[in-house]
Amino acid sequence: MTEEDLDRLRQLAANGDTDAIGQLVELAGERGDMEELRRLADTGSQDALDQLVELAYEREDFDELRRLADTGSRDAADILTELSE
């Protein structure tokens, strides 16, 4: 996928196109693009938030997990609790 294609998807997503949001989440997950996932999660995408939590866990990025937990992610909080036991 070209940068032009990504820009088009981002524009569609910004206009509320749920298919475009889903595609961006999938692509960002495949690329491990946490910045894109953060942006999508910040606009309300639960799928992006779930993918972000999963990537942070896989990368052992405890700062990101704490940030997500602090912003209300129950999954991130649960993972941090499990890891601290």
PDB file of N, CA and C in Angstrom:
ATOM      1  N   MET A   1       0.844  -1.173   0.000  1.00  0.00           N
ATOM      2  CA  MET A   1       0.000   0.000   0.000  1.00  0.00           C
ATOM      3  C   MET A   1       0.889   1.236   0.000  1.00  0.00           C
ATOM      4  N   THR A   2       0.560   2.162  -0.861  1.00  0.00           N
ATOM      5  CA  THR A   2       1.359   3.385  -0.978  1.00  0.00           C
ATOM      6  C   THR A   2       0.973   4.383   0.106  1.00  0.00           C
ATOM      7  N   GLU A   3       1.809   5.370   0.285  1.00  0.00           N
ATOM      8  CA  GLU A   3       1.514   6.436   1.243  1.00  0.00           C
ATOM      9  C   GLU A   3       0.255   7.190   0.814  1.00  0.00           C
ATOM     10  N   GLU A   4       0.067   7.313  -0.491  1.00  0.00           N
ATOM     11  CA  GLU A   4      -1.146   7.948  -1.015  1.00  0.00           C
ATOM     12  C   GLU A   4      -2.394   7.165  -0.604  1.00  0.00           C
ATOM     13  N   ASP A   5      -2.313   5.844  -0.698  1.00  0.00           N
ATOM     14  CA  ASP A   5      -3.432   4.986  -0.291  1.00  0.00           C
ATOM     15  C   ASP A   5      -3.725   5.159   1.201  1.00  0.00           C
ATOM     16  N   LEU A   6      -2.669   5.203   1.997  1.00  0.00           N
ATOM     17  CA  LEU A   6      -2.839   5.404   3.445  1.00  0.00           C
ATOM     18  C   LEU A   6      -3.469   6.761   3.744  1.00  0.00           C
ATOM     19  N   ASP A   7      -3.015   7.781   3.039  1.00  0.00           N
ATOM     20  CA  ASP A   7      -3.591   9.112   3.241  1.00  0.00           C
ATOM     21  C   ASP A   7      -5.075   9.123   2.901  1.00  0.00           C
ATOM     22  N   ARG A   8      -5.450   8.428   1.833  1.00  0.00           N
ATOM     23  CA  ARG A   8      -6.859   8.340   1.440  1.00  0.00           C
ATOM     24  C   ARG A   8      -7.664   7.621   2.523  1.00  0.00           C
ATOM     25  N   LEU A   9      -7.121   6.509   3.035  1.00  0.00           N
ATOM     26  CA  LEU A   9      -7.806   5.787   4.113  1.00  0.00           C
ATOM     27  C   LEU A   9      -7.952   6.663   5.354  1.00  0.00           C
ATOM     28  N   ARG A  10      -6.904   7.405   5.668  1.00  0.00           N
ATOM     29  CA  ARG A  10      -6.968   8.297   6.836  1.00  0.00           C
ATOM     30  C   ARG A  10      -8.048   9.360   6.665  1.00  0.00           C
ATOM     31  N   GLN A  11      -8.162   9.878   5.451  1.00  0.00           N
ATOM     32  CA  GLN A  11      -9.192  10.885   5.186  1.00  0.00           C
ATOM     33  C   GLN A  11     -10.581  10.270   5.342  1.00  0.00           C
ATOM     34  N   LEU A  12     -10.777   9.082   4.787  1.00  0.00           N
ATOM     35  CA  LEU A  12     -12.061   8.397   4.922  1.00  0.00           C
ATOM     36  C   LEU A  12     -12.370   8.121   6.397  1.00  0.00           C
ATOM     37  N   ALA A  13     -11.355   7.671   7.122  1.00  0.00           N
ATOM     38  CA  ALA A  13     -11.530   7.375   8.547  1.00  0.00           C
ATOM     39  C   ALA A  13     -11.893   8.641   9.321  1.00  0.00           C
ATOM     40  N   ALA A  14     -11.247   9.737   8.985  1.00  0.00           N
ATOM     41  CA  ALA A  14     -11.533  11.007   9.654  1.00  0.00           C
ATOM     42  C   ALA A  14     -12.969  11.454   9.414  1.00  0.00           C
ATOM     43  N   ASN A  15     -13.536  10.997   8.316  1.00  0.00           N
ATOM     44  CA  ASN A  15     -14.924  11.320   7.992  1.00  0.00           C
ATOM     45  C   ASN A  15     -15.902  10.269   8.511  1.00  0.00           C
ATOM     46  N   GLY A  16     -15.397   9.342   9.338  1.00  0.00           N
ATOM     47  CA  GLY A  16     -16.273   8.378   9.992  1.00  0.00           C
ATOM     48  C   GLY A  16     -16.484   7.061   9.264  1.00  0.00           C
ATOM     49  N   ASP A  17     -15.722   6.787   8.220  1.00  0.00           N
ATOM     50  CA  ASP A  17     -15.866   5.538   7.473  1.00  0.00           C
ATOM     51  C   ASP A  17     -15.310   4.382   8.310  1.00  0.00           C
ATOM     52  N   THR A  18     -16.201   3.556   8.836  1.00  0.00           N
ATOM     53  CA  THR A  18     -15.776   2.482   9.740  1.00  0.00           C
ATOM     54  C   THR A  18     -14.944   1.419   9.027  1.00  0.00           C
ATOM     55  N   ASP A  19     -15.199   1.196   7.743  1.00  0.00           N
ATOM     56  CA  ASP A  19     -14.373   0.243   6.993  1.00  0.00           C
ATOM     57  C   ASP A  19     -12.941   0.749   6.878  1.00  0.00           C
ATOM     58  N   ALA A  20     -12.788   2.039   6.627  1.00  0.00           N
ATOM     59  CA  ALA A  20     -11.453   2.633   6.527  1.00  0.00           C
ATOM     60  C   ALA A  20     -10.741   2.561   7.872  1.00  0.00           C
ATOM     61  N   ILE A  21     -11.471   2.818   8.948  1.00  0.00           N
ATOM     62  CA  ILE A  21     -10.886   2.717  10.287  1.00  0.00           C
ATOM     63  C   ILE A  21     -10.399   1.295  10.529  1.00  0.00           C
ATOM     64  N   GLY A  22     -11.235   0.320  10.196  1.00  0.00           N
ATOM     65  CA  GLY A  22     -10.854  -1.082  10.367  1.00  0.00           C
ATOM     66  C   GLY A  22      -9.618  -1.446   9.570  1.00  0.00           C
ATOM     67  N   GLN A  23      -9.551  -0.955   8.338  1.00  0.00           N
ATOM     68  CA  GLN A  23      -8.376  -1.240   7.506  1.00  0.00           C
ATOM     69  C   GLN A  23      -7.122  -0.597   8.101  1.00  0.00           C
ATOM     70  N   LEU A  24      -7.257   0.637   8.580  1.00  0.00           N
ATOM     71  CA  LEU A  24      -6.105   1.311   9.187  1.00  0.00           C
ATOM     72  C   LEU A  24      -5.622   0.579  10.433  1.00  0.00           C
ATOM     73  N   VAL A  25      -6.564   0.106  11.244  1.00  0.00           N
ATOM     74  CA  VAL A  25      -6.192  -0.646  12.443  1.00  0.00           C
ATOM     75  C   VAL A  25      -5.437  -1.908  12.052  1.00  0.00           C
ATOM     76  N   GLU A  26      -5.967  -2.624  11.083  1.00  0.00           N
ATOM     77  CA  GLU A  26      -5.320  -3.857  10.636  1.00  0.00           C
ATOM     78  C   GLU A  26      -3.921  -3.586  10.090  1.00  0.00           C
ATOM     79  N   LEU A  27      -3.802  -2.588   9.240  1.00  0.00           N
ATOM     80  CA  LEU A  27      -2.500  -2.254   8.657  1.00  0.00           C
ATOM     81  C   LEU A  27      -1.511  -1.789   9.727  1.00  0.00           C
ATOM     82  N   ALA A  28      -1.976  -0.962  10.644  1.00  0.00           N
ATOM     83  CA  ALA A  28      -1.098  -0.475  11.713  1.00  0.00           C
ATOM     84  C   ALA A  28      -0.642  -1.621  12.602  1.00  0.00           C
ATOM     85  N   GLY A  29      -1.540  -2.555  12.876  1.00  0.00           N
ATOM     86  CA  GLY A  29      -1.172  -3.725  13.667  1.00  0.00           C
ATOM     87  C   GLY A  29      -0.113  -4.567  12.976  1.00  0.00           C
ATOM     88  N   GLU A  30      -0.297  -4.766  11.674  1.00  0.00           N
ATOM     89  CA  GLU A  30       0.677  -5.549  10.901  1.00  0.00           C
ATOM     90  C   GLU A  30       2.041  -4.873  10.880  1.00  0.00           C
ATOM     91  N   ARG A  31       2.040  -3.546  10.796  1.00  0.00           N
ATOM     92  CA  ARG A  31       3.300  -2.792  10.748  1.00  0.00           C
ATOM     93  C   ARG A  31       3.869  -2.520  12.138  1.00  0.00           C
ATOM     94  N   GLY A  32       3.076  -2.781  13.166  1.00  0.00           N
ATOM     95  CA  GLY A  32       3.517  -2.452  14.518  1.00  0.00           C
ATOM     96  C   GLY A  32       3.576  -0.953  14.744  1.00  0.00           C
ATOM     97  N   ASP A  33       2.699  -0.226  14.065  1.00  0.00           N
ATOM     98  CA  ASP A  33       2.692   1.229  14.105  1.00  0.00           C
ATOM     99  C   ASP A  33       1.858   1.717  15.287  1.00  0.00           C
ATOM    100  N   MET A  34       2.527   1.856  16.422  1.00  0.00           N
ATOM    101  CA  MET A  34       1.832   2.254  17.644  1.00  0.00           C
ATOM    102  C   MET A  34       1.319   3.690  17.564  1.00  0.00           C
ATOM    103  N   GLU A  35       2.005   4.551  16.854  1.00  0.00           N
ATOM    104  CA  GLU A  35       1.556   5.935  16.722  1.00  0.00           C
ATOM    105  C   GLU A  35       0.203   5.992  16.003  1.00  0.00           C
ATOM    106  N   GLU A  36       0.074   5.258  14.919  1.00  0.00           N
ATOM    107  CA  GLU A  36      -1.199   5.225  14.184  1.00  0.00           C
ATOM    108  C   GLU A  36      -2.294   4.622  15.062  1.00  0.00           C
ATOM    109  N   LEU A  37      -1.967   3.566  15.781  1.00  0.00           N
ATOM    110  CA  LEU A  37      -2.950   2.948  16.664  1.00  0.00           C
ATOM    111  C   LEU A  37      -3.374   3.901  17.777  1.00  0.00           C
ATOM    112  N   ARG A  38      -2.428   4.652  18.334  1.00  0.00           N
ATOM    113  CA  ARG A  38      -2.766   5.640  19.369  1.00  0.00           C
ATOM    114  C   ARG A  38      -3.740   6.677  18.814  1.00  0.00           C
ATOM    115  N   ARG A  39      -3.436   7.164  17.617  1.00  0.00           N
ATOM    116  CA  ARG A  39      -4.287   8.176  16.999  1.00  0.00           C
ATOM    117  C   ARG A  39      -5.702   7.635  16.795  1.00  0.00           C
ATOM    118  N   LEU A  40      -5.804   6.416  16.299  1.00  0.00           N
ATOM    119  CA  LEU A  40      -7.116   5.809  16.065  1.00  0.00           C
ATOM    120  C   LEU A  40      -7.841   5.535  17.385  1.00  0.00           C
ATOM    121  N   ALA A  41      -7.098   5.073  18.373  1.00  0.00           N
ATOM    122  CA  ALA A  41      -7.700   4.809  19.683  1.00  0.00           C
ATOM    123  C   ALA A  41      -8.195   6.114  20.305  1.00  0.00           C
ATOM    124  N   ASP A  42      -7.422   7.174  20.127  1.00  0.00           N
ATOM    125  CA  ASP A  42      -7.810   8.473  20.677  1.00  0.00           C
ATOM    126  C   ASP A  42      -9.081   9.028  20.036  1.00  0.00           C
ATOM    127  N   THR A  43      -9.401   8.552  18.835  1.00  0.00           N
ATOM    128  CA  THR A  43     -10.638   8.996  18.177  1.00  0.00           C
ATOM    129  C   THR A  43     -11.792   8.054  18.475  1.00  0.00           C
ATOM    130  N   GLY A  44     -11.541   7.059  19.351  1.00  0.00           N
ATOM    131  CA  GLY A  44     -12.636   6.205  19.805  1.00  0.00           C
ATOM    132  C   GLY A  44     -12.673   4.790  19.262  1.00  0.00           C
ATOM    133  N   SER A  45     -11.660   4.369  18.516  1.00  0.00           N
ATOM    134  CA  SER A  45     -11.669   3.013  17.964  1.00  0.00           C
ATOM    135  C   SER A  45     -11.257   1.997  19.033  1.00  0.00           C
ATOM    136  N   GLN A  46     -12.214   1.186  19.442  1.00  0.00           N
ATOM    137  CA  GLN A  46     -11.929   0.144  20.428  1.00  0.00           C
ATOM    138  C   GLN A  46     -10.986  -0.902  19.847  1.00  0.00           C
ATOM    139  N   ASP A  47     -11.138  -1.195  18.549  1.00  0.00           N
ATOM    140  CA  ASP A  47     -10.246  -2.158  17.906  1.00  0.00           C
ATOM    141  C   ASP A  47      -8.802  -1.667  17.938  1.00  0.00           C
ATOM    142  N   ALA A  48      -8.606  -0.374  17.704  1.00  0.00           N
ATOM    143  CA  ALA A  48      -7.259   0.199  17.761  1.00  0.00           C
ATOM    144  C   ALA A  48      -6.706   0.119  19.178  1.00  0.00           C
ATOM    145  N   LEU A  49      -7.542   0.397  20.153  1.00  0.00           N
ATOM    146  CA  LEU A  49      -7.112   0.313  21.550  1.00  0.00           C
ATOM    147  C   LEU A  49      -6.720  -1.116  21.909  1.00  0.00           C
ATOM    148  N   ASP A  50      -7.530  -2.072  21.496  1.00  0.00           N
ATOM    149  CA  ASP A  50      -7.224  -3.476  21.765  1.00  0.00           C
ATOM    150  C   ASP A  50      -5.897  -3.881  21.124  1.00  0.00           C
ATOM    151  N   GLN A  51      -5.689  -3.464  19.880  1.00  0.00           N
ATOM    152  CA  GLN A  51      -4.450  -3.782  19.169  1.00  0.00           C
ATOM    153  C   GLN A  51      -3.262  -3.104  19.832  1.00  0.00           C
ATOM    154  N   LEU A  52      -3.455  -1.893  20.293  1.00  0.00           N
ATOM    155  CA  LEU A  52      -2.386  -1.146  20.965  1.00  0.00           C
ATOM    156  C   LEU A  52      -1.982  -1.831  22.266  1.00  0.00           C
ATOM    157  N   VAL A  53      -2.960  -2.266  23.043  1.00  0.00           N
ATOM    158  CA  VAL A  53      -2.670  -2.992  24.279  1.00  0.00           C
ATOM    159  C   VAL A  53      -1.894  -4.267  23.960  1.00  0.00           C
ATOM    160  N   GLU A  54      -2.329  -4.988  22.944  1.00  0.00           N
ATOM    161  CA  GLU A  54      -1.657  -6.233  22.563  1.00  0.00           C
ATOM    162  C   GLU A  54      -0.214  -5.983  22.143  1.00  0.00           C
ATOM    163  N   LEU A  55       0.009  -4.966  21.322  1.00  0.00           N
ATOM    164  CA  LEU A  55       1.375  -4.655  20.891  1.00  0.00           C
ATOM    165  C   LEU A  55       2.245  -4.219  22.063  1.00  0.00           C
ATOM    166  N   ALA A  56       1.707  -3.395  22.931  1.00  0.00           N
ATOM    167  CA  ALA A  56       2.474  -2.940  24.095  1.00  0.00           C
ATOM    168  C   ALA A  56       2.868  -4.130  24.961  1.00  0.00           C
ATOM    169  N   TYR A  57       1.951  -5.060  25.128  1.00  0.00           N
ATOM    170  CA  TYR A  57       2.246  -6.266  25.911  1.00  0.00           C
ATOM    171  C   TYR A  57       3.330  -7.092  25.236  1.00  0.00           C
ATOM    172  N   GLU A  58       3.185  -7.319  23.931  1.00  0.00           N
ATOM    173  CA  GLU A  58       4.181  -8.112  23.198  1.00  0.00           C
ATOM    174  C   GLU A  58       5.565  -7.480  23.266  1.00  0.00           C
ATOM    175  N   ARG A  59       5.615  -6.154  23.255  1.00  0.00           N
ATOM    176  CA  ARG A  59       6.895  -5.438  23.272  1.00  0.00           C
ATOM    177  C   ARG A  59       7.393  -5.173  24.693  1.00  0.00           C
ATOM    178  N   GLU A  60       6.608  -5.620  25.671  1.00  0.00           N
ATOM    179  CA  GLU A  60       6.923  -5.359  27.073  1.00  0.00           C
ATOM    180  C   GLU A  60       7.111  -3.863  27.324  1.00  0.00           C
ATOM    181  N   ASP A  61       6.244  -3.087  26.705  1.00  0.00           N
ATOM    182  CA  ASP A  61       6.271  -1.636  26.833  1.00  0.00           C
ATOM    183  C   ASP A  61       5.369  -1.242  28.009  1.00  0.00           C
ATOM    184  N   PHE A  62       5.933  -1.334  29.202  1.00  0.00           N
ATOM    185  CA  PHE A  62       5.167  -1.101  30.419  1.00  0.00           C
ATOM    186  C   PHE A  62       4.742   0.358  30.564  1.00  0.00           C
ATOM    187  N   ASP A  63       5.543   1.279  30.041  1.00  0.00           N
ATOM    188  CA  ASP A  63       5.148   2.688  30.080  1.00  0.00           C
ATOM    189  C   ASP A  63       3.872   2.898  29.276  1.00  0.00           C
ATOM    190  N   GLU A  64       3.800   2.283  28.107  1.00  0.00           N
ATOM    191  CA  GLU A  64       2.596   2.412  27.278  1.00  0.00           C
ATOM    192  C   GLU A  64       1.409   1.730  27.954  1.00  0.00           C
ATOM    193  N   LEU A  65       1.632   0.573  28.537  1.00  0.00           N
ATOM    194  CA  LEU A  65       0.549  -0.105  29.247  1.00  0.00           C
ATOM    195  C   LEU A  65       0.038   0.753  30.402  1.00  0.00           C
ATOM    196  N   ARG A  66       0.945   1.392  31.148  1.00  0.00           N
ATOM    197  CA  ARG A  66       0.534   2.274  32.234  1.00  0.00           C
ATOM    198  C   ARG A  66      -0.244   3.477  31.700  1.00  0.00           C
ATOM    199  N   ARG A  67       0.234   4.042  30.596  1.00  0.00           N
ATOM    200  CA  ARG A  67      -0.459   5.177  29.996  1.00  0.00           C
ATOM    201  C   ARG A  67      -1.880   4.782  29.594  1.00  0.00           C
ATOM    202  N   LEU A  68      -1.996   3.609  28.982  1.00  0.00           N
ATOM    203  CA  LEU A  68      -3.316   3.132  28.564  1.00  0.00           C
ATOM    204  C   LEU A  68      -4.213   2.851  29.769  1.00  0.00           C
ATOM    205  N   ALA A  69      -3.638   2.253  30.792  1.00  0.00           N
ATOM    206  CA  ALA A  69      -4.412   1.982  32.010  1.00  0.00           C
ATOM    207  C   ALA A  69      -4.872   3.294  32.643  1.00  0.00           C
ATOM    208  N   ASP A  70      -3.991   4.282  32.667  1.00  0.00           N
ATOM    209  CA  ASP A  70      -4.328   5.586  33.249  1.00  0.00           C
ATOM    210  C   ASP A  70      -5.434   6.297  32.481  1.00  0.00           C
ATOM    211  N   THR A  71      -5.559   5.988  31.192  1.00  0.00           N
ATOM    212  CA  THR A  71      -6.610   6.621  30.391  1.00  0.00           C
ATOM    213  C   THR A  71      -7.876   5.773  30.353  1.00  0.00           C
ATOM    214  N   GLY A  72      -7.893   4.686  31.164  1.00  0.00           N
ATOM    215  CA  GLY A  72      -9.127   3.924  31.314  1.00  0.00           C
ATOM    216  C   GLY A  72      -9.174   2.545  30.689  1.00  0.00           C
ATOM    217  N   SER A  73      -8.068   2.079  30.124  1.00  0.00           N
ATOM    218  CA  SER A  73      -8.086   0.743  29.511  1.00  0.00           C
ATOM    219  C   SER A  73      -8.046  -0.332  30.593  1.00  0.00           C
ATOM    220  N   ARG A  74      -9.147  -1.016  30.742  1.00  0.00           N
ATOM    221  CA  ARG A  74      -9.243  -2.105  31.724  1.00  0.00           C
ATOM    222  C   ARG A  74      -8.293  -3.243  31.351  1.00  0.00           C
ATOM    223  N   ASP A  75      -8.169  -3.535  30.047  1.00  0.00           N
ATOM    224  CA  ASP A  75      -7.276  -4.611  29.606  1.00  0.00           C
ATOM    225  C   ASP A  75      -5.825  -4.314  29.976  1.00  0.00           C
ATOM    226  N   ALA A  76      -5.402  -3.083  29.741  1.00  0.00           N
ATOM    227  CA  ALA A  76      -4.028  -2.704  30.094  1.00  0.00           C
ATOM    228  C   ALA A  76      -3.822  -2.801  31.596  1.00  0.00           C
ATOM    229  N   ALA A  77      -4.796  -2.349  32.367  1.00  0.00           N
ATOM    230  CA  ALA A  77      -4.702  -2.436  33.830  1.00  0.00           C
ATOM    231  C   ALA A  77      -4.629  -3.885  34.283  1.00  0.00           C
ATOM    232  N   ASP A  78      -5.431  -4.751  33.676  1.00  0.00           N
ATOM    233  CA  ASP A  78      -5.413  -6.175  34.035  1.00  0.00           C
ATOM    234  C   ASP A  78      -4.057  -6.806  33.732  1.00  0.00           C
ATOM    235  N   ILE A  79      -3.485  -6.468  32.588  1.00  0.00           N
ATOM    236  CA  ILE A  79      -2.170  -7.015  32.230  1.00  0.00           C
ATOM    237  C   ILE A  79      -1.120  -6.545  33.225  1.00  0.00           C
ATOM    238  N   LEU A  80      -1.136  -5.271  33.568  1.00  0.00           N
ATOM    239  CA  LEU A  80      -0.173  -4.761  34.543  1.00  0.00           C
ATOM    240  C   LEU A  80      -0.330  -5.452  35.895  1.00  0.00           C
ATOM    241  N   THR A  81      -1.564  -5.710  36.300  1.00  0.00           N
ATOM    242  CA  THR A  81      -1.808  -6.400  37.560  1.00  0.00           C
ATOM    243  C   THR A  81      -1.246  -7.807  37.508  1.00  0.00           C
ATOM    244  N   GLU A  82      -1.507  -8.513  36.421  1.00  0.00           N
ATOM    245  CA  GLU A  82      -1.003  -9.885  36.259  1.00  0.00           C
ATOM    246  C   GLU A  82       0.520  -9.919  36.278  1.00  0.00           C
ATOM    247  N   LEU A  83       1.146  -8.956  35.607  1.00  0.00           N
ATOM    248  CA  LEU A  83       2.608  -8.937  35.533  1.00  0.00           C
ATOM    249  C   LEU A  83       3.256  -8.579  36.854  1.00  0.00           C
ATOM    250  N   SER A  84       2.536  -7.888  37.713  1.00  0.00           N
ATOM    251  CA  SER A  84       3.121  -7.483  38.994  1.00  0.00           C
ATOM    252  C   SER A  84       2.955  -8.554  40.064  1.00  0.00           C
ATOM    253  N   GLU A  85       2.206  -9.603  39.768  1.00  0.00           N
ATOM    254  CA  GLU A  85       1.978 -10.667  40.762  1.00  0.00           C
ATOM    255  C   GLU A  85       3.109 -11.664  40.762  1.00  0.00           C
TER     256      GLU A  85
END
